[in-house]
Amino acid sequence: MTEQPSEDEPVPEGLIALIGSIQGPADLAERHDDYLRERMERRFGNAERSTRR
């Protein structure tokens, strides 16, 4: 089981700097899975189509 950080622990400055360096639309994280799925389909075709009978 993973230990959860307490709310009293400060966020490391490096993490704040990393998060602040990401430039993109507000829904970037929400669209990430869709983006990867679309890229894989463009590159390799639709795997569901080829594996269904």
PDB file of N, CA and C in Angstrom:
ATOM      1  N   MET A   1       0.842  -1.180   0.000  1.00  0.00           N
ATOM      2  CA  MET A   1       0.000   0.000   0.000  1.00  0.00           C
ATOM      3  C   MET A   1       0.890   1.247   0.000  1.00  0.00           C
ATOM      4  N   THR A   2       0.555   2.211  -0.843  1.00  0.00           N
ATOM      5  CA  THR A   2       1.335   3.423  -0.941  1.00  0.00           C
ATOM      6  C   THR A   2       0.914   4.417   0.127  1.00  0.00           C
ATOM      7  N   GLU A   3       1.901   5.018   0.758  1.00  0.00           N
ATOM      8  CA  GLU A   3       1.613   6.008   1.795  1.00  0.00           C
ATOM      9  C   GLU A   3       1.198   7.319   1.144  1.00  0.00           C
ATOM     10  N   GLN A   4       0.111   7.883   1.606  1.00  0.00           N
ATOM     11  CA  GLN A   4      -0.382   9.152   1.080  1.00  0.00           C
ATOM     12  C   GLN A   4       0.309  10.307   1.797  1.00  0.00           C
ATOM     13  N   PRO A   5       0.743  11.329   1.057  1.00  0.00           N
ATOM     14  CA  PRO A   5       1.359  12.486   1.713  1.00  0.00           C
ATOM     15  C   PRO A   5       0.301  13.253   2.505  1.00  0.00           C
ATOM     16  N   SER A   6       0.720  13.832   3.603  1.00  0.00           N
ATOM     17  CA  SER A   6      -0.232  14.625   4.380  1.00  0.00           C
ATOM     18  C   SER A   6      -0.395  15.984   3.730  1.00  0.00           C
ATOM     19  N   GLU A   7      -1.503  16.636   4.036  1.00  0.00           N
ATOM     20  CA  GLU A   7      -1.762  17.956   3.467  1.00  0.00           C
ATOM     21  C   GLU A   7      -0.814  19.002   4.040  1.00  0.00           C
ATOM     22  N   ASP A   8      -0.164  18.676   5.150  1.00  0.00           N
ATOM     23  CA  ASP A   8       0.745  19.627   5.778  1.00  0.00           C
ATOM     24  C   ASP A   8       2.123  19.649   5.123  1.00  0.00           C
ATOM     25  N   GLU A   9       2.436  18.604   4.351  1.00  0.00           N
ATOM     26  CA  GLU A   9       3.740  18.541   3.709  1.00  0.00           C
ATOM     27  C   GLU A   9       3.790  19.517   2.536  1.00  0.00           C
ATOM     28  N   PRO A  10       4.859  20.308   2.433  1.00  0.00           N
ATOM     29  CA  PRO A  10       4.960  21.244   1.312  1.00  0.00           C
ATOM     30  C   PRO A  10       5.237  20.501  -0.002  1.00  0.00           C
ATOM     31  N   VAL A  11       4.776  21.062  -1.086  1.00  0.00           N
ATOM     32  CA  VAL A  11       5.047  20.504  -2.411  1.00  0.00           C
ATOM     33  C   VAL A  11       6.474  20.887  -2.783  1.00  0.00           C
ATOM     34  N   PRO A  12       7.283  19.928  -3.252  1.00  0.00           N
ATOM     35  CA  PRO A  12       8.666  20.246  -3.628  1.00  0.00           C
ATOM     36  C   PRO A  12       8.723  21.338  -4.694  1.00  0.00           C
ATOM     37  N   GLU A  13       9.676  22.246  -4.560  1.00  0.00           N
ATOM     38  CA  GLU A  13       9.811  23.358  -5.510  1.00  0.00           C
ATOM     39  C   GLU A  13      10.045  22.865  -6.932  1.00  0.00           C
ATOM     40  N   GLY A  14      10.778  21.762  -7.071  1.00  0.00           N
ATOM     41  CA  GLY A  14      11.038  21.213  -8.405  1.00  0.00           C
ATOM     42  C   GLY A  14       9.755  20.793  -9.104  1.00  0.00           C
ATOM     43  N   LEU A  15       8.822  20.233  -8.344  1.00  0.00           N
ATOM     44  CA  LEU A  15       7.545  19.828  -8.923  1.00  0.00           C
ATOM     45  C   LEU A  15       6.745  21.047  -9.359  1.00  0.00           C
ATOM     46  N   ILE A  16       6.737  22.065  -8.552  1.00  0.00           N
ATOM     47  CA  ILE A  16       6.031  23.301  -8.905  1.00  0.00           C
ATOM     48  C   ILE A  16       6.638  23.899 -10.177  1.00  0.00           C
ATOM     49  N   ALA A  17       7.962  23.891 -10.275  1.00  0.00           N
ATOM     50  CA  ALA A  17       8.628  24.433 -11.465  1.00  0.00           C
ATOM     51  C   ALA A  17       8.271  23.605 -12.696  1.00  0.00           C
ATOM     52  N   LEU A  18       8.229  22.286 -12.552  1.00  0.00           N
ATOM     53  CA  LEU A  18       7.892  21.417 -13.677  1.00  0.00           C
ATOM     54  C   LEU A  18       6.465  21.664 -14.133  1.00  0.00           C
ATOM     55  N   ILE A  19       5.540  21.712 -13.208  1.00  0.00           N
ATOM     56  CA  ILE A  19       4.144  21.945 -13.553  1.00  0.00           C
ATOM     57  C   ILE A  19       3.985  23.313 -14.213  1.00  0.00           C
ATOM     58  N   GLY A  20       4.674  24.295 -13.706  1.00  0.00           N
ATOM     59  CA  GLY A  20       4.583  25.634 -14.272  1.00  0.00           C
ATOM     60  C   GLY A  20       5.198  25.755 -15.654  1.00  0.00           C
ATOM     61  N   SER A  21       6.046  24.802 -16.039  1.00  0.00           N
ATOM     62  CA  SER A  21       6.705  24.892 -17.336  1.00  0.00           C
ATOM     63  C   SER A  21       5.881  24.290 -18.461  1.00  0.00           C
ATOM     64  N   ILE A  22       4.785  23.632 -18.137  1.00  0.00           N
ATOM     65  CA  ILE A  22       3.951  23.009 -19.156  1.00  0.00           C
ATOM     66  C   ILE A  22       3.065  24.067 -19.794  1.00  0.00           C
ATOM     67  N   GLN A  23       3.178  24.192 -21.094  1.00  0.00           N
ATOM     68  CA  GLN A  23       2.381  25.167 -21.843  1.00  0.00           C
ATOM     69  C   GLN A  23       1.383  24.392 -22.699  1.00  0.00           C
ATOM     70  N   GLY A  24       0.140  24.722 -22.594  1.00  0.00           N
ATOM     71  CA  GLY A  24      -0.863  24.048 -23.407  1.00  0.00           C
ATOM     72  C   GLY A  24      -2.250  24.460 -22.996  1.00  0.00           C
ATOM     73  N   PRO A  25      -3.251  23.909 -23.681  1.00  0.00           N
ATOM     74  CA  PRO A  25      -4.629  24.245 -23.344  1.00  0.00           C
ATOM     75  C   PRO A  25      -4.995  23.713 -21.961  1.00  0.00           C
ATOM     76  N   ALA A  26      -6.030  24.283 -21.383  1.00  0.00           N
ATOM     77  CA  ALA A  26      -6.442  23.904 -20.023  1.00  0.00           C
ATOM     78  C   ALA A  26      -6.828  22.433 -19.924  1.00  0.00           C
ATOM     79  N   ASP A  27      -7.333  21.848 -20.999  1.00  0.00           N
ATOM     80  CA  ASP A  27      -7.757  20.446 -20.958  1.00  0.00           C
ATOM     81  C   ASP A  27      -6.680  19.488 -21.468  1.00  0.00           C
ATOM     82  N   LEU A  28      -5.429  19.920 -21.451  1.00  0.00           N
ATOM     83  CA  LEU A  28      -4.330  19.108 -21.975  1.00  0.00           C
ATOM     84  C   LEU A  28      -4.283  17.715 -21.335  1.00  0.00           C
ATOM     85  N   ALA A  29      -4.353  17.637 -20.035  1.00  0.00           N
ATOM     86  CA  ALA A  29      -4.284  16.343 -19.353  1.00  0.00           C
ATOM     87  C   ALA A  29      -5.500  15.481 -19.680  1.00  0.00           C
ATOM     88  N   GLU A  30      -6.658  16.096 -19.778  1.00  0.00           N
ATOM     89  CA  GLU A  30      -7.867  15.345 -20.073  1.00  0.00           C
ATOM     90  C   GLU A  30      -7.824  14.764 -21.483  1.00  0.00           C
ATOM     91  N   ARG A  31      -7.204  15.464 -22.405  1.00  0.00           N
ATOM     92  CA  ARG A  31      -7.143  15.020 -23.793  1.00  0.00           C
ATOM     93  C   ARG A  31      -5.947  14.106 -24.072  1.00  0.00           C
ATOM     94  N   HIS A  32      -5.065  13.901 -23.094  1.00  0.00           N
ATOM     95  CA  HIS A  32      -3.840  13.146 -23.328  1.00  0.00           C
ATOM     96  C   HIS A  32      -4.113  11.731 -23.827  1.00  0.00           C
ATOM     97  N   ASP A  33      -5.023  11.011 -23.176  1.00  0.00           N
ATOM     98  CA  ASP A  33      -5.328   9.647 -23.603  1.00  0.00           C
ATOM     99  C   ASP A  33      -5.904   9.617 -25.011  1.00  0.00           C
ATOM    100  N   ASP A  34      -6.797  10.569 -25.303  1.00  0.00           N
ATOM    101  CA  ASP A  34      -7.371  10.643 -26.645  1.00  0.00           C
ATOM    102  C   ASP A  34      -6.288  10.916 -27.682  1.00  0.00           C
ATOM    103  N   TYR A  35      -5.379  11.819 -27.348  1.00  0.00           N
ATOM    104  CA  TYR A  35      -4.277  12.155 -28.248  1.00  0.00           C
ATOM    105  C   TYR A  35      -3.419  10.918 -28.544  1.00  0.00           C
ATOM    106  N   LEU A  36      -3.059  10.166 -27.510  1.00  0.00           N
ATOM    107  CA  LEU A  36      -2.239   8.969 -27.717  1.00  0.00           C
ATOM    108  C   LEU A  36      -2.993   7.926 -28.539  1.00  0.00           C
ATOM    109  N   ARG A  37      -4.271   7.731 -28.233  1.00  0.00           N
ATOM    110  CA  ARG A  37      -5.070   6.764 -28.973  1.00  0.00           C
ATOM    111  C   ARG A  37      -5.140   7.149 -30.458  1.00  0.00           C
ATOM    112  N   GLU A  38      -5.376   8.427 -30.737  1.00  0.00           N
ATOM    113  CA  GLU A  38      -5.441   8.885 -32.120  1.00  0.00           C
ATOM    114  C   GLU A  38      -4.115   8.699 -32.839  1.00  0.00           C
ATOM    115  N   ARG A  39      -3.006   8.989 -32.160  1.00  0.00           N
ATOM    116  CA  ARG A  39      -1.678   8.799 -32.769  1.00  0.00           C
ATOM    117  C   ARG A  39      -1.411   7.336 -33.085  1.00  0.00           C
ATOM    118  N   MET A  40      -1.751   6.455 -32.133  1.00  0.00           N
ATOM    119  CA  MET A  40      -1.530   5.026 -32.349  1.00  0.00           C
ATOM    120  C   MET A  40      -2.390   4.509 -33.498  1.00  0.00           C
ATOM    121  N   GLU A  41      -3.634   4.989 -33.580  1.00  0.00           N
ATOM    122  CA  GLU A  41      -4.499   4.558 -34.674  1.00  0.00           C
ATOM    123  C   GLU A  41      -3.969   5.040 -36.020  1.00  0.00           C
ATOM    124  N   ARG A  42      -3.462   6.273 -36.070  1.00  0.00           N
ATOM    125  CA  ARG A  42      -2.879   6.777 -37.322  1.00  0.00           C
ATOM    126  C   ARG A  42      -1.654   5.968 -37.710  1.00  0.00           C
ATOM    127  N   ARG A  43      -0.857   5.619 -36.721  1.00  0.00           N
ATOM    128  CA  ARG A  43       0.402   4.926 -37.004  1.00  0.00           C
ATOM    129  C   ARG A  43       0.210   3.444 -37.309  1.00  0.00           C
ATOM    130  N   PHE A  44      -0.647   2.780 -36.527  1.00  0.00           N
ATOM    131  CA  PHE A  44      -0.773   1.326 -36.638  1.00  0.00           C
ATOM    132  C   PHE A  44      -2.140   0.856 -37.115  1.00  0.00           C
ATOM    133  N   GLY A  45      -3.067   1.765 -37.312  1.00  0.00           N
ATOM    134  CA  GLY A  45      -4.430   1.378 -37.678  1.00  0.00           C
ATOM    135  C   GLY A  45      -5.226   1.073 -36.423  1.00  0.00           C
ATOM    136  N   ASN A  46      -6.503   0.809 -36.614  1.00  0.00           N
ATOM    137  CA  ASN A  46      -7.379   0.551 -35.474  1.00  0.00           C
ATOM    138  C   ASN A  46      -7.234  -0.900 -35.054  1.00  0.00           C
ATOM    139  N   ALA A  47      -6.594  -1.165 -33.926  1.00  0.00           N
ATOM    140  CA  ALA A  47      -6.327  -2.518 -33.447  1.00  0.00           C
ATOM    141  C   ALA A  47      -7.622  -3.267 -33.149  1.00  0.00           C
ATOM    142  N   GLU A  48      -8.652  -2.569 -32.677  1.00  0.00           N
ATOM    143  CA  GLU A  48      -9.909  -3.244 -32.364  1.00  0.00           C
ATOM    144  C   GLU A  48     -10.527  -3.838 -33.607  1.00  0.00           C
ATOM    145  N   ARG A  49     -10.446  -3.120 -34.726  1.00  0.00           N
ATOM    146  CA  ARG A  49     -11.001  -3.605 -35.976  1.00  0.00           C
ATOM    147  C   ARG A  49     -10.302  -4.886 -36.423  1.00  0.00           C
ATOM    148  N   SER A  50      -8.982  -4.916 -36.322  1.00  0.00           N
ATOM    149  CA  SER A  50      -8.221  -6.055 -36.837  1.00  0.00           C
ATOM    150  C   SER A  50      -8.285  -7.281 -35.919  1.00  0.00           C
ATOM    151  N   THR A  51      -8.614  -7.093 -34.623  1.00  0.00           N
ATOM    152  CA  THR A  51      -8.644  -8.236 -33.709  1.00  0.00           C
ATOM    153  C   THR A  51     -10.039  -8.780 -33.511  1.00  0.00           C
ATOM    154  N   ARG A  52     -11.079  -8.036 -33.909  1.00  0.00           N
ATOM    155  CA  ARG A  52     -12.449  -8.530 -33.780  1.00  0.00           C
ATOM    156  C   ARG A  52     -12.759  -9.493 -34.925  1.00  0.00           C
ATOM    157  N   ARG A  53     -13.634 -10.461 -34.631  1.00  0.00           N
ATOM    158  CA  ARG A  53     -14.008 -11.443 -35.660  1.00  0.00           C
ATOM    159  C   ARG A  53     -15.458 -11.286 -36.024  1.00  0.00           C
TER     160      ARG A  53
END
